[in-house]
């Protein structure tokens, strides 16, 4: 009982403050969400996919969140249940009966995590294998060259006004022959290269612009001229490292026209934050015209692709060891 004769508990002011804080937090959360587009909620923070392959990545992302939420609800439920029904009893017993071990419970919290990890591993490995598979003959091949601190794009295909052969071009010598097998014959090619100061003429966004045709399978051959970079087109929902001395490849099929943002996702030096680029997806006709325009500007042939790759057999173990 308080000194003034009332039985008001000193905990009540604290509870009132807690209730007020929770109310203010709820108001703040709902107020800031007024401009949120609820149609975007199912993607859980991911941008709208713009390639045929991206929904597979989005599905994996959503499934991982669903598994995490289910696990969280179970854990939170057990915590609340324990706090509510196993708190100190009214008899003021300080030490309740102790359970030394419980074999079913110990088996449960050992087996369940293994099942969760195994399921996540299966779906991740399945989708990764599908996303990194390559077709025999892609419609378009682009050699993406990363360098401090911008990008160059070698369009590997025959273009009117450009002569040569990508399979023998010395500037592409850093790309191993096994990656050149699917290069088109007599692909003189054209290129475009940027600097951190380059800007897209339509949007004003920084960086050079990579043009791609809608509905065509595009194979990216990734090479670096100096350090490790990472090629990331945000709405592709996929990125891959650009490693000096090691060539990476993957394919996408853009299915939506527009200009999208890309960036380097690997800390590569002092101007890493300026290593930006744009991806412009257009109709196949506009894409072909763009390549002809590059040829008319004199941007024929290819810029140096990167550091020559050592043989992949170099570090292989032998039976003679």
Protein backbone atom coordinates (compact mmCIF):
# COMPACT_ATOMS: atom_id res chain seq x y z
CA UNK A 1 0.00 0.00 0.00
CA UNK A 2 1.31 3.45 -0.88
CA UNK A 3 1.95 6.13 1.83
CA UNK A 4 -1.27 7.99 0.99
CA UNK A 5 -3.33 4.92 1.75
CA UNK A 6 -4.05 3.83 -1.84
CA UNK A 7 -3.10 0.43 -3.18
CA UNK A 8 -1.82 1.80 -6.49
CA UNK A 9 1.17 -0.20 -7.64
CA UNK A 10 4.38 1.69 -8.58
CA UNK A 11 4.49 -0.42 -11.72
CA UNK A 12 1.49 1.31 -13.24
CA UNK A 13 3.34 4.45 -14.46
CA UNK A 14 5.85 2.20 -16.22
CA UNK A 15 3.06 0.19 -17.82
CA UNK A 16 1.37 3.40 -18.94
CA UNK A 17 4.58 4.65 -20.54
CA UNK A 18 5.07 1.31 -22.26
CA UNK A 19 1.52 1.41 -23.63
CA UNK A 20 2.04 4.97 -24.88
CA UNK A 21 5.30 4.01 -26.56
CA UNK A 22 3.68 1.02 -28.29
CA UNK A 23 0.78 3.21 -29.46
CA UNK A 24 3.18 5.83 -30.83
CA UNK A 25 5.17 3.11 -32.62
CA UNK A 26 2.02 1.69 -34.18
CA UNK A 27 0.92 5.15 -35.38
CA UNK A 28 4.37 5.82 -36.81
CA UNK A 29 4.47 2.48 -38.62
CA UNK A 30 1.03 2.93 -40.15
CA UNK A 31 1.65 6.57 -41.07
CA UNK A 32 4.90 5.83 -42.89
CA UNK A 33 3.22 2.95 -44.68
CA UNK A 34 0.50 5.11 -46.23
CA UNK A 35 2.53 5.55 -49.41
CA UNK A 36 3.55 1.88 -49.58
CA UNK A 37 2.24 -0.07 -52.53
CA UNK A 38 0.75 -3.22 -51.06
CA UNK A 39 1.02 -4.92 -54.44
CA UNK A 40 4.79 -5.00 -53.80
CA UNK A 41 4.44 -6.75 -50.44
CA UNK A 42 4.52 -10.38 -51.76
CA UNK A 43 8.01 -9.72 -53.21
CA UNK A 44 9.31 -8.93 -49.70
CA UNK A 45 11.59 -6.09 -50.76
CA UNK A 46 12.66 -7.51 -54.12
CA UNK A 47 12.20 -5.35 -57.25
CA UNK A 48 9.86 -6.36 -60.05
CA UNK A 49 11.56 -9.14 -62.10
CA UNK A 50 12.40 -8.24 -65.71
CA UNK A 51 13.78 -11.56 -67.00
CA UNK A 52 12.32 -15.02 -67.50
CA UNK A 53 14.78 -16.45 -64.95
CA UNK A 54 14.19 -13.93 -62.15
CA UNK A 55 10.87 -15.41 -60.86
CA UNK A 56 12.78 -18.56 -59.89
CA UNK A 57 15.05 -16.45 -57.68
CA UNK A 58 12.06 -14.57 -56.29
CA UNK A 59 10.35 -17.85 -55.42
CA UNK A 60 13.45 -19.06 -53.55
CA UNK A 61 13.58 -15.74 -51.67
CA UNK A 62 9.90 -15.98 -50.69
CA UNK A 63 10.24 -19.61 -49.65
CA UNK A 64 13.22 -18.80 -47.43
CA UNK A 65 11.25 -16.02 -45.74
CA UNK A 66 8.28 -18.34 -45.24
CA UNK A 67 10.51 -20.95 -43.59
CA UNK A 68 12.16 -18.32 -41.41
CA UNK A 69 8.77 -16.90 -40.37
CA UNK A 70 7.41 -20.35 -39.52
CA UNK A 71 10.50 -21.07 -37.41
CA UNK A 72 10.21 -17.66 -35.74
CA UNK A 73 6.54 -18.14 -34.88
CA UNK A 74 7.33 -21.54 -33.34
CA UNK A 75 10.21 -20.15 -31.27
CA UNK A 76 8.27 -17.06 -30.18
CA UNK A 77 5.31 -19.25 -29.25
CA UNK A 78 7.45 -21.53 -27.11
CA UNK A 79 9.06 -18.55 -25.39
CA UNK A 80 5.70 -16.94 -24.59
CA UNK A 81 4.24 -20.26 -23.48
CA UNK A 82 7.17 -20.86 -21.14
CA UNK A 83 7.02 -17.31 -19.77
CA UNK A 84 3.27 -17.48 -19.14
CA UNK A 85 2.75 -21.01 -17.84
CA UNK A 86 6.10 -21.75 -16.21
CA UNK A 87 6.69 -18.57 -14.26
CA UNK A 88 7.37 -18.75 -10.52
CA UNK A 89 4.30 -20.11 -8.75
CA UNK A 90 2.31 -18.29 -6.10
CA UNK A 91 3.79 -20.61 -3.47
CA UNK A 92 7.07 -18.68 -3.90
CA UNK A 93 9.01 -21.86 -4.61
CA UNK A 94 12.39 -20.55 -5.71
CA UNK A 95 13.69 -23.72 -7.40
CA UNK A 96 11.10 -25.83 -9.27
CA UNK A 97 11.70 -29.53 -10.01
CA UNK A 98 14.66 -29.90 -12.34
CA UNK A 99 14.81 -32.08 -15.46
CA UNK A 100 18.33 -33.29 -16.15
CA UNK A 101 17.71 -34.30 -19.75
CA UNK A 102 14.90 -35.26 -22.08
CA UNK A 103 15.91 -37.52 -24.92
CA UNK A 104 12.87 -36.84 -27.19
CA UNK A 105 13.37 -33.07 -26.88
CA UNK A 106 17.13 -33.33 -27.51
CA UNK A 107 16.50 -35.51 -30.57
CA UNK A 108 13.88 -33.00 -31.76
CA UNK A 109 16.14 -29.94 -31.63
CA UNK A 110 18.90 -31.91 -33.37
CA UNK A 111 16.84 -33.43 -36.18
CA UNK A 112 14.58 -30.46 -36.99
CA UNK A 113 17.46 -28.03 -37.83
CA UNK A 114 19.05 -30.71 -40.01
CA UNK A 115 15.78 -31.12 -41.91
CA UNK A 116 15.43 -27.34 -42.36
CA UNK A 117 18.99 -26.94 -43.65
CA UNK A 118 18.63 -29.94 -45.96
CA UNK A 119 15.43 -28.61 -47.50
CA UNK A 120 16.94 -25.14 -48.04
CA UNK A 121 20.07 -26.71 -49.53
CA UNK A 122 18.02 -28.81 -51.95
CA UNK A 123 16.02 -25.90 -53.34
CA UNK A 124 19.08 -23.64 -53.50
CA UNK A 125 21.18 -26.25 -55.34
CA UNK A 126 18.29 -27.04 -57.71
CA UNK A 127 17.71 -23.40 -58.64
CA UNK A 128 21.42 -22.56 -58.85
CA UNK A 129 21.98 -25.44 -61.27
CA UNK A 130 19.11 -24.24 -63.44
CA UNK A 131 20.16 -20.58 -63.39
CA UNK A 132 23.78 -21.32 -64.34
CA UNK A 133 22.96 -23.75 -67.15
CA UNK A 134 23.90 -22.56 -70.64
CA UNK A 135 22.15 -23.11 -73.95
CA UNK A 136 24.10 -24.45 -76.92
CA UNK A 137 23.65 -21.29 -78.98
CA UNK A 138 22.57 -18.08 -77.23
CA UNK A 139 20.91 -15.37 -79.32
CA UNK A 140 23.28 -12.67 -78.06
CA UNK A 141 26.70 -12.80 -76.41
CA UNK A 142 28.12 -9.86 -74.45
CA UNK A 143 31.57 -9.80 -72.91
CA UNK A 144 31.25 -7.62 -69.79
CA UNK A 145 34.62 -6.17 -68.79
CA UNK A 146 35.04 -4.75 -65.30
CA UNK A 147 37.83 -2.33 -64.47
CA UNK A 148 38.52 0.34 -61.88
CA UNK A 149 36.07 2.06 -61.91
CA UNK A 150 33.63 1.48 -64.74
CA UNK A 151 32.51 -1.04 -67.33
CA UNK A 152 33.03 -1.94 -70.98
CA UNK A 153 30.70 -4.05 -73.10
CA UNK A 154 31.94 -6.12 -76.06
CA UNK A 155 28.99 -7.11 -78.28
CA UNK A 156 30.20 -10.39 -79.77
CA UNK A 157 28.33 -10.73 -83.06
CA UNK A 158 28.60 -9.82 -86.73
CA UNK A 159 27.81 -6.14 -87.28
CA UNK A 160 27.63 -4.29 -90.57
CA UNK A 161 30.73 -2.14 -90.89
CA UNK A 162 32.88 -4.26 -88.56
CA UNK A 163 35.25 -6.98 -89.73
CA UNK A 164 37.15 -9.58 -87.77
CA UNK A 165 36.61 -12.77 -85.82
CA UNK A 166 35.94 -12.87 -82.07
CA UNK A 167 37.40 -16.38 -81.82
CA UNK A 168 40.84 -15.17 -82.86
CA UNK A 169 40.77 -11.51 -81.80
CA UNK A 170 43.81 -10.76 -79.63
CA UNK A 171 41.78 -8.45 -77.40
CA UNK A 172 39.66 -11.43 -76.35
CA UNK A 173 42.66 -13.70 -75.76
CA UNK A 174 41.97 -13.62 -72.00
CA UNK A 175 38.76 -15.60 -72.60
CA UNK A 176 39.46 -19.37 -72.69
CA UNK A 177 38.73 -21.20 -75.94
CA UNK A 178 35.99 -23.30 -74.36
CA UNK A 179 33.93 -20.13 -73.90
CA UNK A 180 34.53 -19.11 -77.52
CA UNK A 181 33.02 -22.25 -79.02
CA UNK A 182 29.57 -20.65 -79.13
CA UNK A 183 30.82 -17.31 -80.49
CA UNK A 184 29.25 -16.52 -83.90
CA UNK A 185 31.48 -16.96 -86.93
CA UNK A 186 33.12 -13.81 -88.34
CA UNK A 187 31.92 -11.74 -85.41
CA UNK A 188 33.73 -8.46 -85.89
CA UNK A 189 31.70 -6.94 -83.09
CA UNK A 190 31.38 -3.51 -81.56
CA UNK A 191 32.00 -2.16 -78.08
CA UNK A 192 30.99 0.55 -75.65
CA UNK A 193 33.02 1.66 -72.64
CA UNK A 194 32.39 4.15 -69.89
CA UNK A 195 33.89 6.11 -67.04
CA UNK A 196 32.38 7.08 -63.68
CA UNK A 197 31.42 10.40 -65.29
CA UNK A 198 29.46 8.79 -68.16
CA UNK A 199 25.69 9.31 -68.00
CA UNK A 200 22.70 7.80 -69.74
CA UNK A 201 21.39 10.48 -72.16
CA UNK A 202 17.73 9.62 -71.52
CA UNK A 203 17.61 9.19 -67.73
CA UNK A 204 20.74 11.05 -66.63
CA UNK A 205 21.74 8.07 -64.47
CA UNK A 206 25.52 7.65 -64.11
CA UNK A 207 27.53 5.00 -65.90
CA UNK A 208 27.64 3.50 -69.41
CA UNK A 209 24.56 1.82 -70.88
CA UNK A 210 24.35 -1.82 -71.90
CA UNK A 211 21.72 -2.46 -74.58
CA UNK A 212 19.88 -5.79 -74.69
CA UNK A 213 17.10 -7.14 -76.96
CA UNK A 214 13.79 -8.13 -75.40
CA UNK A 215 12.86 -11.80 -75.71
CA UNK A 216 16.36 -12.94 -76.72
CA UNK A 217 18.63 -15.21 -74.69
CA UNK A 218 21.68 -13.20 -73.66
CA UNK A 219 24.89 -14.85 -72.49
CA UNK A 220 27.19 -12.72 -70.36
CA UNK A 221 30.89 -13.57 -70.39
CA UNK A 222 32.39 -11.79 -67.38
CA UNK A 223 36.06 -10.78 -67.25
CA UNK A 224 38.12 -8.30 -65.21
CA UNK A 225 41.19 -6.25 -66.03
CA UNK A 226 42.38 -5.68 -62.46
CA UNK A 227 40.58 -6.75 -59.26
CA UNK A 228 37.41 -8.65 -58.34
CA UNK A 229 34.19 -6.86 -59.27
CA UNK A 230 30.58 -8.07 -59.25
CA UNK A 231 28.11 -7.63 -62.11
CA UNK A 232 24.68 -6.86 -60.65
CA UNK A 233 21.64 -5.72 -62.58
CA UNK A 234 19.19 -5.07 -59.75
CA UNK A 235 15.88 -6.22 -61.34
CA UNK A 236 17.58 -9.33 -62.76
CA UNK A 237 17.64 -10.49 -59.09
CA UNK A 238 21.01 -12.06 -59.81
CA UNK A 239 24.65 -11.06 -59.65
CA UNK A 240 27.93 -12.80 -60.34
CA UNK A 241 31.56 -12.06 -59.55
CA UNK A 242 33.88 -10.66 -62.22
CA UNK A 243 37.24 -12.20 -61.34
CA UNK A 244 40.65 -11.49 -62.89
CA UNK A 245 42.06 -14.65 -64.43
CA UNK A 246 38.76 -16.52 -64.14
CA UNK A 247 35.87 -16.28 -66.58
CA UNK A 248 32.27 -16.53 -65.34
CA UNK A 249 29.17 -16.86 -67.49
CA UNK A 250 25.41 -16.88 -67.10
CA UNK A 251 22.35 -16.31 -69.28
CA UNK A 252 19.12 -14.34 -69.00
CA UNK A 253 16.19 -13.59 -71.27
CA UNK A 254 14.88 -10.03 -70.73
CA UNK A 255 11.08 -9.87 -71.03
CA UNK A 256 10.36 -6.25 -70.20
CA UNK A 257 11.52 -3.10 -72.01
CA UNK A 258 12.94 -0.21 -70.02
CA UNK A 259 16.11 1.19 -68.52
CA UNK A 260 17.33 -0.47 -65.34
CA UNK A 261 20.11 0.21 -62.86
CA UNK A 262 23.23 -1.88 -62.43
CA UNK A 263 26.22 -1.62 -60.14
CA UNK A 264 29.33 -3.33 -58.86
CA UNK A 265 28.44 -5.34 -55.75
CA UNK A 266 32.03 -6.14 -54.69
CA UNK A 267 34.20 -3.61 -52.83
CA UNK A 268 36.86 -2.96 -55.45
CA UNK A 269 38.65 0.22 -54.44
CA UNK A 270 38.29 3.85 -53.53
CA UNK A 271 35.71 4.65 -56.25
CA UNK A 272 33.70 1.45 -55.90
CA UNK A 273 30.52 3.45 -55.20
CA UNK A 274 30.83 5.17 -58.60
CA UNK A 275 31.12 1.92 -60.55
CA UNK A 276 27.57 2.11 -61.91
CA UNK A 277 25.96 1.28 -65.23
CA UNK A 278 22.57 1.08 -66.93
CA UNK A 279 20.82 -1.70 -68.82
CA UNK A 280 18.43 -0.67 -71.60
CA UNK A 281 16.12 -3.42 -72.87
CA UNK A 282 14.64 -2.61 -76.27
CA UNK A 283 13.07 -4.39 -79.22
CA UNK A 284 15.39 -6.59 -81.31
CA UNK A 285 15.15 -4.07 -84.17
CA UNK A 286 16.28 -1.15 -82.01
CA UNK A 287 19.06 -3.31 -80.59
CA UNK A 288 20.42 -4.13 -84.04
CA UNK A 289 20.23 -0.47 -84.99
CA UNK A 290 22.17 0.50 -81.87
CA UNK A 291 25.01 -1.86 -82.83
CA UNK A 292 25.10 -0.30 -86.30
CA UNK A 293 25.25 3.15 -84.70
CA UNK A 294 28.25 2.07 -82.61
CA UNK A 295 29.97 0.84 -85.78
CA UNK A 296 29.31 4.19 -87.49
CA UNK A 297 30.95 5.93 -84.52
CA UNK A 298 34.07 3.86 -85.11
CA UNK A 299 33.61 1.66 -82.02
CA UNK A 300 34.33 -1.53 -83.94
CA UNK A 301 36.20 -4.57 -82.69
CA UNK A 302 36.71 -5.25 -78.99
CA UNK A 303 38.34 -3.60 -76.01
CA UNK A 304 40.83 -5.79 -74.05
CA UNK A 305 38.82 -8.31 -72.11
CA UNK A 306 41.06 -8.76 -69.10
CA UNK A 307 43.85 -10.75 -67.52
CA UNK A 308 44.73 -14.01 -69.24
CA UNK A 309 43.44 -17.07 -67.44
CA UNK A 310 45.80 -19.77 -66.28
CA UNK A 311 44.99 -23.36 -67.15
CA UNK A 312 42.23 -24.84 -65.02
CA UNK A 313 44.42 -27.94 -64.71
CA UNK A 314 47.20 -26.09 -62.90
CA UNK A 315 46.10 -26.82 -59.35
CA UNK A 316 44.56 -30.20 -59.96
CA UNK A 317 45.70 -32.98 -57.64
CA UNK A 318 47.47 -35.93 -59.23
CA UNK A 319 47.90 -39.53 -58.20
CA UNK A 320 51.65 -39.02 -58.01
CA UNK A 321 51.44 -37.00 -54.80
